PDB file of N, CA and C in Angstrom:
ATOM      1  N   UNK A   1       0.842  -1.165   0.000  1.00  0.00           N
ATOM      2  CA  UNK A   1       0.000   0.000   0.000  1.00  0.00           C
ATOM      3  C   UNK A   1       0.896   1.241   0.000  1.00  0.00           C
ATOM      4  N   UNK A   2       0.483   2.245  -0.742  1.00  0.00           N
ATOM      5  CA  UNK A   2       1.217   3.495  -0.827  1.00  0.00           C
ATOM      6  C   UNK A   2       0.347   4.580  -0.210  1.00  0.00           C
ATOM      7  N   UNK A   3       0.852   5.205   0.846  1.00  0.00           N
ATOM      8  CA  UNK A   3       0.111   6.280   1.506  1.00  0.00           C
ATOM      9  C   UNK A   3       0.699   7.617   1.074  1.00  0.00           C
ATOM     10  N   UNK A   4      -0.154   8.458   0.482  1.00  0.00           N
ATOM     11  CA  UNK A   4       0.251   9.770   0.004  1.00  0.00           C
ATOM     12  C   UNK A   4      -0.348  10.814   0.937  1.00  0.00           C
ATOM     13  N   UNK A   5       0.510  11.711   1.448  1.00  0.00           N
ATOM     14  CA  UNK A   5       0.063  12.801   2.310  1.00  0.00           C
ATOM     15  C   UNK A   5       0.658  14.094   1.766  1.00  0.00           C
ATOM     16  N   UNK A   6      -0.218  15.088   1.540  1.00  0.00           N
ATOM     17  CA  UNK A   6       0.217  16.340   0.945  1.00  0.00           C
ATOM     18  C   UNK A   6      -0.606  17.499   1.478  1.00  0.00           C
ATOM     19  N   UNK A   7      -0.052  18.707   1.379  1.00  0.00           N
ATOM     20  CA  UNK A   7      -0.814  19.909   1.717  1.00  0.00           C
ATOM     21  C   UNK A   7      -1.642  20.374   0.519  1.00  0.00           C
ATOM     22  N   UNK A   8      -1.332  19.879  -0.660  1.00  0.00           N
ATOM     23  CA  UNK A   8      -2.015  20.207  -1.902  1.00  0.00           C
ATOM     24  C   UNK A   8      -2.351  18.909  -2.623  1.00  0.00           C
ATOM     25  N   UNK A   9      -3.175  18.997  -3.658  1.00  0.00           N
ATOM     26  CA  UNK A   9      -3.478  17.803  -4.446  1.00  0.00           C
ATOM     27  C   UNK A   9      -2.211  17.393  -5.193  1.00  0.00           C
ATOM     28  N   UNK A  10      -1.644  16.233  -4.901  1.00  0.00           N
ATOM     29  CA  UNK A  10      -0.383  15.833  -5.533  1.00  0.00           C
ATOM     30  C   UNK A  10      -0.556  15.379  -6.986  1.00  0.00           C
ATOM     31  N   UNK A  11       0.393  15.780  -7.812  1.00  0.00           N
ATOM     32  CA  UNK A  11       0.474  15.305  -9.191  1.00  0.00           C
ATOM     33  C   UNK A  11       1.658  14.359  -9.249  1.00  0.00           C
ATOM     34  N   UNK A  12       1.415  13.115  -9.595  1.00  0.00           N
ATOM     35  CA  UNK A  12       2.469  12.115  -9.464  1.00  0.00           C
ATOM     36  C   UNK A  12       2.393  11.027 -10.511  1.00  0.00           C
ATOM     37  N   UNK A  13       3.479  10.288 -10.593  1.00  0.00           N
ATOM     38  CA  UNK A  13       3.547   9.056 -11.361  1.00  0.00           C
ATOM     39  C   UNK A  13       4.030   7.973 -10.403  1.00  0.00           C
ATOM     40  N   UNK A  14       3.433   6.795 -10.498  1.00  0.00           N
ATOM     41  CA  UNK A  14       3.863   5.652  -9.695  1.00  0.00           C
ATOM     42  C   UNK A  14       4.257   4.533 -10.650  1.00  0.00           C
ATOM     43  N   UNK A  15       5.490   4.054 -10.472  1.00  0.00           N
ATOM     44  CA  UNK A  15       6.011   2.946 -11.269  1.00  0.00           C
ATOM     45  C   UNK A  15       6.138   1.725 -10.364  1.00  0.00           C
ATOM     46  N   UNK A  16       5.557   0.613 -10.769  1.00  0.00           N
ATOM     47  CA  UNK A  16       5.688  -0.650 -10.062  1.00  0.00           C
ATOM     48  C   UNK A  16       6.439  -1.595 -10.989  1.00  0.00           C
ATOM     49  N   UNK A  17       7.577  -2.103 -10.511  1.00  0.00           N
ATOM     50  CA  UNK A  17       8.441  -2.964 -11.329  1.00  0.00           C
ATOM     51  C   UNK A  17       8.798  -2.283 -12.657  1.00  0.00           C
ATOM     52  N   UNK A  18       9.125  -1.017 -12.610  1.00  0.00           N
ATOM     53  CA  UNK A  18       9.527  -0.207 -13.758  1.00  0.00           C
ATOM     54  C   UNK A  18       8.413   0.011 -14.789  1.00  0.00           C
ATOM     55  N   UNK A  19       7.176  -0.280 -14.445  1.00  0.00           N
ATOM     56  CA  UNK A  19       6.049  -0.043 -15.348  1.00  0.00           C
ATOM     57  C   UNK A  19       5.167   1.045 -14.759  1.00  0.00           C
ATOM     58  N   UNK A  20       4.788   2.008 -15.597  1.00  0.00           N
ATOM     59  CA  UNK A  20       3.938   3.110 -15.160  1.00  0.00           C
ATOM     60  C   UNK A  20       2.561   2.586 -14.796  1.00  0.00           C
ATOM     61  N   UNK A  21       2.150   2.831 -13.554  1.00  0.00           N
ATOM     62  CA  UNK A  21       0.837   2.380 -13.092  1.00  0.00           C
ATOM     63  C   UNK A  21      -0.143   3.543 -12.964  1.00  0.00           C
ATOM     64  N   UNK A  22       0.349   4.706 -12.506  1.00  0.00           N
ATOM     65  CA  UNK A  22      -0.504   5.879 -12.313  1.00  0.00           C
ATOM     66  C   UNK A  22       0.246   7.095 -12.821  1.00  0.00           C
ATOM     67  N   UNK A  23      -0.459   7.956 -13.553  1.00  0.00           N
ATOM     68  CA  UNK A  23       0.068   9.235 -14.019  1.00  0.00           C
ATOM     69  C   UNK A  23      -1.093  10.217 -13.938  1.00  0.00           C
ATOM     70  N   UNK A  24      -1.253  10.866 -12.782  1.00  0.00           N
ATOM     71  CA  UNK A  24      -2.468  11.645 -12.558  1.00  0.00           C
ATOM     72  C   UNK A  24      -2.283  12.646 -11.421  1.00  0.00           C
ATOM     73  N   UNK A  25      -3.236  13.551 -11.300  1.00  0.00           N
ATOM     74  CA  UNK A  25      -3.353  14.424 -10.134  1.00  0.00           C
ATOM     75  C   UNK A  25      -4.404  13.808  -9.224  1.00  0.00           C
ATOM     76  N   UNK A  26      -4.030  13.494  -8.009  1.00  0.00           N
ATOM     77  CA  UNK A  26      -4.966  12.906  -7.066  1.00  0.00           C
ATOM     78  C   UNK A  26      -5.998  13.958  -6.652  1.00  0.00           C
ATOM     79  N   UNK A  27      -7.202  13.544  -6.423  1.00  0.00           N
ATOM     80  CA  UNK A  27      -8.259  14.482  -6.045  1.00  0.00           C
ATOM     81  C   UNK A  27      -8.326  14.714  -4.541  1.00  0.00           C
ATOM     82  N   UNK A  28      -7.433  14.056  -3.798  1.00  0.00           N
ATOM     83  CA  UNK A  28      -7.430  14.178  -2.350  1.00  0.00           C
ATOM     84  C   UNK A  28      -6.027  14.506  -1.859  1.00  0.00           C
ATOM     85  N   UNK A  29      -5.935  15.214  -0.755  1.00  0.00           N
ATOM     86  CA  UNK A  29      -4.635  15.548  -0.172  1.00  0.00           C
ATOM     87  C   UNK A  29      -4.037  14.352   0.563  1.00  0.00           C
ATOM     88  N   UNK A  30      -4.877  13.423   0.982  1.00  0.00           N
ATOM     89  CA  UNK A  30      -4.442  12.196   1.654  1.00  0.00           C
ATOM     90  C   UNK A  30      -5.147  11.034   0.989  1.00  0.00           C
ATOM     91  N   UNK A  31      -4.382  10.035   0.581  1.00  0.00           N
ATOM     92  CA  UNK A  31      -5.002   8.874  -0.047  1.00  0.00           C
ATOM     93  C   UNK A  31      -4.111   7.656   0.140  1.00  0.00           C
ATOM     94  N   UNK A  32      -4.699   6.512  -0.059  1.00  0.00           N
ATOM     95  CA  UNK A  32      -3.970   5.249  -0.005  1.00  0.00           C
ATOM     96  C   UNK A  32      -4.219   4.524  -1.323  1.00  0.00           C
ATOM     97  N   UNK A  33      -3.125   4.065  -1.931  1.00  0.00           N
ATOM     98  CA  UNK A  33      -3.205   3.380  -3.219  1.00  0.00           C
ATOM     99  C   UNK A  33      -2.634   1.983  -3.028  1.00  0.00           C
ATOM    100  N   UNK A  34      -3.364   0.992  -3.487  1.00  0.00           N
ATOM    101  CA  UNK A  34      -2.890  -0.386  -3.361  1.00  0.00           C
ATOM    102  C   UNK A  34      -2.869  -1.037  -4.736  1.00  0.00           C
ATOM    103  N   UNK A  35      -1.695  -1.021  -5.396  1.00  0.00           N
ATOM    104  CA  UNK A  35      -1.620  -1.655  -6.718  1.00  0.00           C
ATOM    105  C   UNK A  35      -1.738  -3.169  -6.608  1.00  0.00           C
ATOM    106  N   UNK A  36      -2.458  -3.753  -7.531  1.00  0.00           N
ATOM    107  CA  UNK A  36      -2.606  -5.207  -7.596  1.00  0.00           C
ATOM    108  C   UNK A  36      -1.974  -5.654  -8.916  1.00  0.00           C
ATOM    109  N   UNK A  37      -0.967  -6.516  -8.810  1.00  0.00           N
ATOM    110  CA  UNK A  37      -0.271  -6.998 -10.007  1.00  0.00           C
ATOM    111  C   UNK A  37      -0.201  -8.519  -9.967  1.00  0.00           C
ATOM    112  N   UNK A  38       0.044  -9.116 -11.132  1.00  0.00           N
ATOM    113  CA  UNK A  38       0.089 -10.579 -11.235  1.00  0.00           C
ATOM    114  C   UNK A  38       1.455 -11.168 -10.912  1.00  0.00           C
ATOM    115  N   UNK A  39       2.465 -10.323 -10.784  1.00  0.00           N
ATOM    116  CA  UNK A  39       3.817 -10.793 -10.487  1.00  0.00           C
ATOM    117  C   UNK A  39       4.247 -10.261  -9.130  1.00  0.00           C
ATOM    118  N   UNK A  40       5.395 -10.718  -8.675  1.00  0.00           N
ATOM    119  CA  UNK A  40       5.928 -10.249  -7.402  1.00  0.00           C
ATOM    120  C   UNK A  40       6.413  -8.809  -7.550  1.00  0.00           C
ATOM    121  N   UNK A  41       6.081  -7.981  -6.590  1.00  0.00           N
ATOM    122  CA  UNK A  41       6.508  -6.584  -6.601  1.00  0.00           C
ATOM    123  C   UNK A  41       7.959  -6.505  -6.121  1.00  0.00           C
ATOM    124  N   UNK A  42       8.828  -5.943  -6.971  1.00  0.00           N
ATOM    125  CA  UNK A  42      10.240  -5.810  -6.603  1.00  0.00           C
ATOM    126  C   UNK A  42      10.653  -4.361  -6.370  1.00  0.00           C
ATOM    127  N   UNK A  43       9.912  -3.408  -6.934  1.00  0.00           N
ATOM    128  CA  UNK A  43      10.243  -2.007  -6.678  1.00  0.00           C
ATOM    129  C   UNK A  43       9.033  -1.115  -6.935  1.00  0.00           C
ATOM    130  N   UNK A  44       8.959  -0.037  -6.155  1.00  0.00           N
ATOM    131  CA  UNK A  44       7.950   1.002  -6.351  1.00  0.00           C
ATOM    132  C   UNK A  44       8.685   2.330  -6.338  1.00  0.00           C
ATOM    133  N   UNK A  45       8.527   3.101  -7.412  1.00  0.00           N
ATOM    134  CA  UNK A  45       9.145   4.418  -7.528  1.00  0.00           C
ATOM    135  C   UNK A  45       8.022   5.434  -7.692  1.00  0.00           C
ATOM    136  N   UNK A  46       8.096   6.529  -6.920  1.00  0.00           N
ATOM    137  CA  UNK A  46       7.113   7.599  -7.014  1.00  0.00           C
ATOM    138  C   UNK A  46       7.821   8.844  -7.533  1.00  0.00           C
ATOM    139  N   UNK A  47       7.268   9.457  -8.594  1.00  0.00           N
ATOM    140  CA  UNK A  47       7.810  10.667  -9.193  1.00  0.00           C
ATOM    141  C   UNK A  47       6.834  11.806  -8.945  1.00  0.00           C
ATOM    142  N   UNK A  48       7.316  12.914  -8.382  1.00  0.00           N
ATOM    143  CA  UNK A  48       6.503  14.083  -8.088  1.00  0.00           C
ATOM    144  C   UNK A  48       6.551  15.017  -9.291  1.00  0.00           C
ATOM    145  N   UNK A  49       5.456  15.137 -10.035  1.00  0.00           N
ATOM    146  CA  UNK A  49       5.381  16.006 -11.203  1.00  0.00           C
ATOM    147  C   UNK A  49       4.862  17.393 -10.853  1.00  0.00           C
ATOM    148  N   UNK A  50       4.480  17.607  -9.599  1.00  0.00           N
ATOM    149  CA  UNK A  50       3.866  18.866  -9.201  1.00  0.00           C
ATOM    150  C   UNK A  50       4.858  19.903  -8.708  1.00  0.00           C
ATOM    151  N   UNK A  51       4.305  20.960  -8.102  1.00  0.00           N
ATOM    152  CA  UNK A  51       5.104  22.081  -7.609  1.00  0.00           C
ATOM    153  C   UNK A  51       5.277  22.078  -6.099  1.00  0.00           C
ATOM    154  N   UNK A  52       4.716  21.094  -5.408  1.00  0.00           N
ATOM    155  CA  UNK A  52       4.768  21.031  -3.948  1.00  0.00           C
ATOM    156  C   UNK A  52       5.261  19.655  -3.505  1.00  0.00           C
ATOM    157  N   UNK A  53       6.014  19.615  -2.425  1.00  0.00           N
ATOM    158  CA  UNK A  53       6.477  18.341  -1.860  1.00  0.00           C
ATOM    159  C   UNK A  53       5.308  17.569  -1.267  1.00  0.00           C
ATOM    160  N   UNK A  54       5.446  16.254  -1.217  1.00  0.00           N
ATOM    161  CA  UNK A  54       4.504  15.402  -0.509  1.00  0.00           C
ATOM    162  C   UNK A  54       5.265  14.205   0.028  1.00  0.00           C
ATOM    163  N   UNK A  55       4.615  13.419   0.873  1.00  0.00           N
ATOM    164  CA  UNK A  55       5.245  12.212   1.390  1.00  0.00           C
ATOM    165  C   UNK A  55       4.522  10.990   0.826  1.00  0.00           C
ATOM    166  N   UNK A  56       5.307   9.970   0.563  1.00  0.00           N
ATOM    167  CA  UNK A  56       4.787   8.677   0.130  1.00  0.00           C
ATOM    168  C   UNK A  56       5.417   7.640   1.042  1.00  0.00           C
ATOM    169  N   UNK A  57       4.598   7.017   1.880  1.00  0.00           N
ATOM    170  CA  UNK A  57       5.090   6.050   2.872  1.00  0.00           C
ATOM    171  C   UNK A  57       6.206   6.651   3.721  1.00  0.00           C
ATOM    172  N   UNK A  58       5.995   7.843   4.210  1.00  0.00           N
ATOM    173  CA  UNK A  58       6.909   8.573   5.109  1.00  0.00           C
ATOM    174  C   UNK A  58       8.198   9.035   4.434  1.00  0.00           C
ATOM    175  N   UNK A  59       8.294   8.943   3.106  1.00  0.00           N
ATOM    176  CA  UNK A  59       9.453   9.428   2.356  1.00  0.00           C
ATOM    177  C   UNK A  59       9.041  10.732   1.681  1.00  0.00           C
ATOM    178  N   UNK A  60       9.752  11.829   1.991  1.00  0.00           N
ATOM    179  CA  UNK A  60       9.414  13.109   1.367  1.00  0.00           C
ATOM    180  C   UNK A  60       9.957  13.151  -0.057  1.00  0.00           C
ATOM    181  N   UNK A  61       9.098  13.581  -0.974  1.00  0.00           N
ATOM    182  CA  UNK A  61       9.468  13.660  -2.380  1.00  0.00           C
ATOM    183  C   UNK A  61       9.303  15.103  -2.837  1.00  0.00           C
ATOM    184  N   UNK A  62      10.409  15.719  -3.222  1.00  0.00           N
ATOM    185  CA  UNK A  62      10.429  17.109  -3.661  1.00  0.00           C
ATOM    186  C   UNK A  62       9.848  17.225  -5.076  1.00  0.00           C
ATOM    187  N   UNK A  63       9.438  18.439  -5.475  1.00  0.00           N
ATOM    188  CA  UNK A  63       8.929  18.634  -6.837  1.00  0.00           C
ATOM    189  C   UNK A  63       9.961  18.222  -7.890  1.00  0.00           C
ATOM    190  N   UNK A  64       9.482  17.628  -8.963  1.00  0.00           N
ATOM    191  CA  UNK A  64      10.303  17.195 -10.103  1.00  0.00           C
ATOM    192  C   UNK A  64      11.426  16.236  -9.717  1.00  0.00           C
ATOM    193  N   UNK A  65      11.162  15.371  -8.739  1.00  0.00           N
ATOM    194  CA  UNK A  65      12.142  14.354  -8.365  1.00  0.00           C
ATOM    195  C   UNK A  65      11.409  13.053  -8.064  1.00  0.00           C
ATOM    196  N   UNK A  66      12.174  11.981  -7.955  1.00  0.00           N
ATOM    197  CA  UNK A  66      11.575  10.673  -7.678  1.00  0.00           C
ATOM    198  C   UNK A  66      12.318  10.008  -6.540  1.00  0.00           C
ATOM    199  N   UNK A  67      11.638   9.085  -5.886  1.00  0.00           N
ATOM    200  CA  UNK A  67      12.212   8.298  -4.797  1.00  0.00           C
ATOM    201  C   UNK A  67      11.694   6.873  -4.913  1.00  0.00           C
ATOM    202  N   UNK A  68      12.577   5.934  -4.656  1.00  0.00           N
ATOM    203  CA  UNK A  68      12.159   4.545  -4.579  1.00  0.00           C
ATOM    204  C   UNK A  68      11.685   4.303  -3.152  1.00  0.00           C
ATOM    205  N   UNK A  69      10.424   3.904  -3.000  1.00  0.00           N
ATOM    206  CA  UNK A  69       9.897   3.713  -1.654  1.00  0.00           C
ATOM    207  C   UNK A  69       9.815   2.243  -1.271  1.00  0.00           C
ATOM    208  N   UNK A  70      10.099   1.360  -2.239  1.00  0.00           N
ATOM    209  CA  UNK A  70      10.110  -0.078  -1.942  1.00  0.00           C
ATOM    210  C   UNK A  70      11.104  -0.731  -2.892  1.00  0.00           C
ATOM    211  N   UNK A  71      11.968  -1.578  -2.335  1.00  0.00           N
ATOM    212  CA  UNK A  71      12.936  -2.302  -3.149  1.00  0.00           C
ATOM    213  C   UNK A  71      13.155  -3.661  -2.499  1.00  0.00           C
ATOM    214  N   UNK A  72      12.952  -4.716  -3.261  1.00  0.00           N
ATOM    215  CA  UNK A  72      13.079  -6.071  -2.709  1.00  0.00           C
ATOM    216  C   UNK A  72      14.215  -6.784  -3.371  1.00  0.00           C
TER     217      UNK A  72
END
């Protein structure tokens, strides 16, 4: 599960196993996303496309940068 917490509506991309899963502006400042895939999850990368920082699973992600929040 990926927990997103922001002061503004976050604009982000989420990659699971190097495949783009979400490319959108969330309609909520706080949300939980649970990707369901048919293979084992080995990595989750979150890219912040917006102008404001947000946290994803307690990892702060600055504007126009990405962070790997899960690596197996």
